[in-house]
Amino acid sequence: MSAYTVKQFSDLARVSVRTLHHYDEIGLLKPAYVGDNGYRSYERPQWLRLKQILLYREMGLSLEDIAAIST
């Protein structure tokens, strides 16, 4: 897996770009890096983290709970 734009990553993960932006804003899922143009890029570690977040969400945990157990 190489670097993906936020749109490519959202399509791959089947979540919205808005969700990824929100996760970044609250510190739950930071992109691998942000380019000089402000665009977020994601890589394998973020993919694994997102899969974990989505599993916890599926189990009914709140974002606050996920943040607390994932740090």
Protein backbone atom coordinates (compact mmCIF):
# COMPACT_ATOMS: atom_id res chain seq x y z
CA MET A 1 0.00 0.00 0.00
CA SER A 2 1.47 3.34 -0.98
CA ALA A 3 0.28 6.82 -0.05
CA TYR A 4 -3.35 7.63 -0.76
CA THR A 5 -5.18 10.92 -0.95
CA VAL A 6 -8.02 11.41 1.49
CA LYS A 7 -10.53 10.69 -1.31
CA GLN A 8 -8.76 7.50 -2.39
CA PHE A 9 -8.46 6.39 1.23
CA SER A 10 -12.11 7.10 1.96
CA ASP A 11 -13.19 5.13 -1.10
CA LEU A 12 -10.96 2.22 -0.11
CA ALA A 13 -12.29 2.18 3.44
CA ARG A 14 -15.89 2.96 2.47
CA VAL A 15 -16.12 5.93 4.80
CA SER A 16 -16.73 9.54 3.92
CA VAL A 17 -14.03 12.14 3.48
CA ARG A 18 -15.88 14.11 6.15
CA THR A 19 -15.43 11.18 8.57
CA LEU A 20 -11.68 11.11 7.94
CA HIS A 21 -11.47 14.88 8.40
CA HIS A 22 -13.40 14.58 11.67
CA TYR A 23 -11.17 11.77 12.94
CA ASP A 24 -8.16 13.96 12.16
CA GLU A 25 -9.67 16.99 13.91
CA ILE A 26 -10.33 15.04 17.11
CA GLY A 27 -6.94 13.32 16.99
CA LEU A 28 -8.31 9.83 16.47
CA LEU A 29 -6.70 9.20 13.08
CA LYS A 30 -3.97 11.51 11.89
CA PRO A 31 -2.81 11.29 8.27
CA ALA A 32 0.70 10.04 7.51
CA TYR A 33 1.51 13.55 6.38
CA VAL A 34 -0.04 16.75 5.14
CA GLY A 35 1.44 18.24 1.98
CA ASP A 36 2.36 21.85 1.45
CA ASN A 37 -0.99 22.17 -0.33
CA GLY A 38 -2.81 21.06 2.85
CA TYR A 39 -3.85 17.72 1.38
CA ARG A 40 -3.84 14.76 3.72
CA SER A 41 -2.10 11.52 2.72
CA TYR A 42 -2.60 8.12 4.29
CA GLU A 43 -0.45 4.98 4.36
CA ARG A 44 -0.53 1.46 5.79
CA PRO A 45 -0.32 2.41 9.50
CA GLN A 46 -3.35 4.67 9.09
CA TRP A 47 -5.18 1.88 7.26
CA LEU A 48 -4.60 -0.50 10.17
CA ARG A 49 -5.67 2.17 12.66
CA LEU A 50 -8.83 2.93 10.70
CA LYS A 51 -9.75 -0.76 10.54
CA GLN A 52 -9.39 -0.89 14.34
CA ILE A 53 -11.55 2.22 14.76
CA LEU A 54 -14.24 0.81 12.47
CA LEU A 55 -14.25 -2.49 14.36
CA TYR A 56 -14.72 -0.68 17.66
CA ARG A 57 -17.49 1.43 16.14
CA GLU A 58 -19.19 -1.74 14.90
CA MET A 59 -19.02 -3.04 18.48
CA GLY A 60 -20.90 0.07 19.60
CA LEU A 61 -18.09 2.02 21.23
CA SER A 62 -18.16 5.81 21.11
CA LEU A 63 -15.33 7.79 19.58
CA GLU A 64 -14.42 8.97 23.07
CA ASP A 65 -14.17 5.37 24.29
CA ILE A 66 -12.08 4.41 21.27
CA ALA A 67 -9.71 7.29 21.89
CA ALA A 68 -9.37 6.29 25.54
CA ILE A 69 -8.55 2.63 24.87
CA SER A 70 -6.39 3.29 21.82
CA THR A 71 -3.78 5.57 23.33
